[in-house]
Amino acid sequence: MEGIIPRYPFDGYRVERPEPERKYLPKAELRKIINGSIGDPTLSLVRDMFLMALLHRPVDMRNLSAENIVAAADGNLWIRTFRQKTGVKCNVPLLEPARRIIEKYTGCARVGCLLPVPTNGALNTGLKIIARLCGVEDNITFHLARHMNFSFRLKTSKL
């Protein structure tokens, strides 16, 4: 057999992959970002989109429209949409800080959308600058908002 291997040499071999460590932003660091002074309007937008992502799913923010905001019988506002990835119907209460962010950017987004969400790269670059300005040591990315504690979202009243 001229150099031909009779069977695949890696058959049955499994690479052991360590469980990835999820990163969370400590509440103290998050408070620095929330309360930090940011004068630049672009960085203010990045911070607001990060805070909005803490309150609601980041992936669903881009396509959020006025039709998705509905009032319940008790007068509370809800976001009614379908999850982008799964297509599953979703009802989420529109928290007051998120409502204020939406109102702040009324008329600034592309037609049919409520929020002017920058690209992921622009968000991550802006978050690194914001972290430096606010004295946050952790490496912050927009994806980090996805892993934040939901109980913190519900307890957050001052954003």
Protein backbone atom coordinates (compact mmCIF):
# COMPACT_ATOMS: atom_id res chain seq x y z
CA MET A 1 0.00 0.00 0.00
CA GLU A 2 2.04 2.86 -1.25
CA GLY A 3 1.66 5.46 1.53
CA ILE A 4 -2.09 5.01 1.85
CA ILE A 5 -3.40 4.82 5.38
CA PRO A 6 -5.89 1.96 5.71
CA ARG A 7 -8.16 3.83 8.14
CA TYR A 8 -8.67 7.41 9.34
CA PRO A 9 -6.09 7.96 12.09
CA PHE A 10 -8.34 10.28 14.12
CA ASP A 11 -11.38 8.01 14.11
CA GLY A 12 -12.76 7.90 17.66
CA TYR A 13 -10.62 10.82 18.87
CA ARG A 14 -12.58 13.56 20.58
CA VAL A 15 -11.13 16.94 21.42
CA GLU A 16 -11.92 17.96 24.95
CA ARG A 17 -13.13 21.53 25.00
CA PRO A 18 -13.29 23.35 28.29
CA GLU A 19 -16.65 24.90 29.13
CA PRO A 20 -16.43 28.55 28.05
CA GLU A 21 -16.47 30.98 30.93
CA ARG A 22 -19.31 33.45 30.62
CA LYS A 23 -18.34 36.95 31.53
CA TYR A 24 -20.54 39.22 33.56
CA LEU A 25 -20.12 42.87 34.32
CA PRO A 26 -20.11 43.47 38.08
CA LYS A 27 -22.87 45.82 39.26
CA ALA A 28 -20.32 48.36 40.50
CA GLU A 29 -18.77 48.55 37.03
CA LEU A 30 -22.20 48.82 35.42
CA ARG A 31 -23.10 51.68 37.74
CA LYS A 32 -19.95 53.52 36.59
CA ILE A 33 -21.15 53.21 32.99
CA ILE A 34 -24.71 54.26 33.83
CA ASN A 35 -23.67 57.28 35.89
CA GLY A 36 -20.51 58.25 33.98
CA SER A 37 -20.33 61.63 32.28
CA ILE A 38 -20.24 61.27 28.51
CA GLY A 39 -20.43 64.42 26.42
CA ASP A 40 -20.08 62.92 22.95
CA PRO A 41 -23.49 62.21 21.32
CA THR A 42 -22.18 59.13 19.49
CA LEU A 43 -20.85 57.62 22.70
CA SER A 44 -24.09 58.54 24.44
CA LEU A 45 -25.97 56.58 21.75
CA VAL A 46 -23.65 53.58 22.26
CA ARG A 47 -24.21 53.67 26.02
CA ASP A 48 -27.98 53.96 25.56
CA MET A 49 -28.04 50.99 23.18
CA PHE A 50 -25.97 48.95 25.65
CA LEU A 51 -28.37 49.85 28.46
CA MET A 52 -31.34 49.02 26.23
CA ALA A 53 -29.73 45.65 25.50
CA LEU A 54 -29.45 45.03 29.24
CA LEU A 55 -33.19 45.55 29.55
CA HIS A 56 -34.30 43.74 26.38
CA ARG A 57 -32.79 41.16 24.03
CA PRO A 58 -30.03 42.79 21.95
CA VAL A 59 -30.83 40.83 18.80
CA ASP A 60 -34.44 42.07 18.76
CA MET A 61 -33.56 45.77 19.22
CA ARG A 62 -32.61 46.44 15.59
CA ASN A 63 -36.05 45.71 14.20
CA LEU A 64 -38.13 47.08 17.07
CA SER A 65 -40.98 49.12 15.61
CA ALA A 66 -43.91 51.15 16.95
CA GLU A 67 -46.22 48.24 16.06
CA ASN A 68 -44.34 46.10 18.58
CA ILE A 69 -45.26 48.41 21.48
CA VAL A 70 -48.77 47.67 22.73
CA ALA A 71 -50.75 48.74 25.78
CA ALA A 72 -52.22 46.03 27.97
CA ALA A 73 -55.66 46.30 29.54
CA ASP A 74 -54.07 47.69 32.72
CA GLY A 75 -52.32 50.45 30.73
CA ASN A 76 -48.80 49.02 30.99
CA LEU A 77 -46.76 48.93 27.78
CA TRP A 78 -45.43 45.67 26.39
CA ILE A 79 -43.12 44.71 23.56
CA ARG A 80 -44.83 42.06 21.46
CA THR A 81 -42.64 40.52 18.85
CA PHE A 82 -41.28 37.26 17.51
CA ARG A 83 -37.78 36.15 18.46
CA GLN A 84 -35.47 36.61 15.51
CA LYS A 85 -33.67 33.30 15.94
CA THR A 86 -36.56 30.98 16.82
CA GLY A 87 -39.65 32.78 15.52
CA VAL A 88 -41.35 32.20 18.89
CA LYS A 89 -43.90 34.83 19.96
CA CYS A 90 -42.60 36.96 22.81
CA ASN A 91 -44.25 39.41 25.22
CA VAL A 92 -41.91 41.49 27.37
CA PRO A 93 -42.87 44.40 29.63
CA LEU A 94 -41.48 47.71 28.39
CA LEU A 95 -39.57 48.95 31.41
CA GLU A 96 -39.50 52.66 32.16
CA PRO A 97 -35.77 53.16 31.44
CA ALA A 98 -36.22 51.47 28.04
CA ARG A 99 -39.23 53.65 27.28
CA ARG A 100 -37.14 56.76 27.99
CA ILE A 101 -34.40 55.52 25.65
CA ILE A 102 -36.93 54.89 22.88
CA GLU A 103 -38.43 58.37 23.36
CA LYS A 104 -34.97 59.95 23.29
CA TYR A 105 -34.27 58.55 19.82
CA THR A 106 -37.71 59.07 18.27
CA GLY A 107 -37.21 60.02 14.63
CA CYS A 108 -33.49 59.10 14.57
CA ALA A 109 -33.75 55.49 13.36
CA ARG A 110 -34.24 54.11 9.88
CA VAL A 111 -37.80 54.11 8.59
CA GLY A 112 -40.03 51.72 10.51
CA CYS A 113 -37.65 51.23 13.44
CA LEU A 114 -37.56 52.86 16.86
CA LEU A 115 -33.85 52.67 17.65
CA PRO A 116 -30.81 53.79 15.63
CA VAL A 117 -28.68 50.76 16.54
CA PRO A 118 -25.10 51.13 15.21
CA THR A 119 -23.15 48.20 13.83
CA ASN A 120 -21.74 45.67 16.26
CA GLY A 121 -18.21 46.89 15.55
CA ALA A 122 -19.15 50.50 16.25
CA LEU A 123 -20.89 49.46 19.47
CA ASN A 124 -17.86 47.50 20.69
CA THR A 125 -15.43 50.29 19.81
CA GLY A 126 -17.63 52.84 21.57
CA LEU A 127 -18.00 50.64 24.64
CA LYS A 128 -14.23 50.37 25.00
CA ILE A 129 -13.95 54.17 24.93
CA ILE A 130 -16.83 54.53 27.40
CA ALA A 131 -15.22 52.00 29.75
CA ARG A 132 -11.98 53.96 29.70
CA LEU A 133 -13.80 57.27 30.31
CA CYS A 134 -15.79 55.81 33.22
CA GLY A 135 -12.85 54.05 34.85
CA VAL A 136 -14.09 50.52 34.12
CA GLU A 137 -11.27 47.97 33.96
CA ASP A 138 -13.26 45.07 32.46
CA ASN A 139 -13.28 44.40 28.73
CA ILE A 140 -16.81 45.32 27.69
CA THR A 141 -18.50 44.14 24.52
CA PHE A 142 -22.08 44.54 23.34
CA HIS A 143 -22.51 40.78 23.55
CA LEU A 144 -21.90 41.02 27.30
CA ALA A 145 -25.37 42.58 27.71
CA ARG A 146 -26.89 39.28 26.67
CA HIS A 147 -25.48 37.52 29.73
CA MET A 148 -26.42 40.04 32.39
CA ASN A 149 -28.60 38.91 35.26
CA PHE A 150 -32.32 39.28 34.46
CA SER A 151 -33.15 39.95 38.10
CA PHE A 152 -30.89 43.00 37.87
CA ARG A 153 -32.90 44.17 34.86
CA LEU A 154 -36.12 44.08 36.82
CA LYS A 155 -34.62 45.84 39.84
CA THR A 156 -33.05 48.61 37.76
CA SER A 157 -35.08 51.75 37.96
CA LYS A 158 -32.49 54.49 37.43
CA LEU A 159 -30.73 54.23 34.10
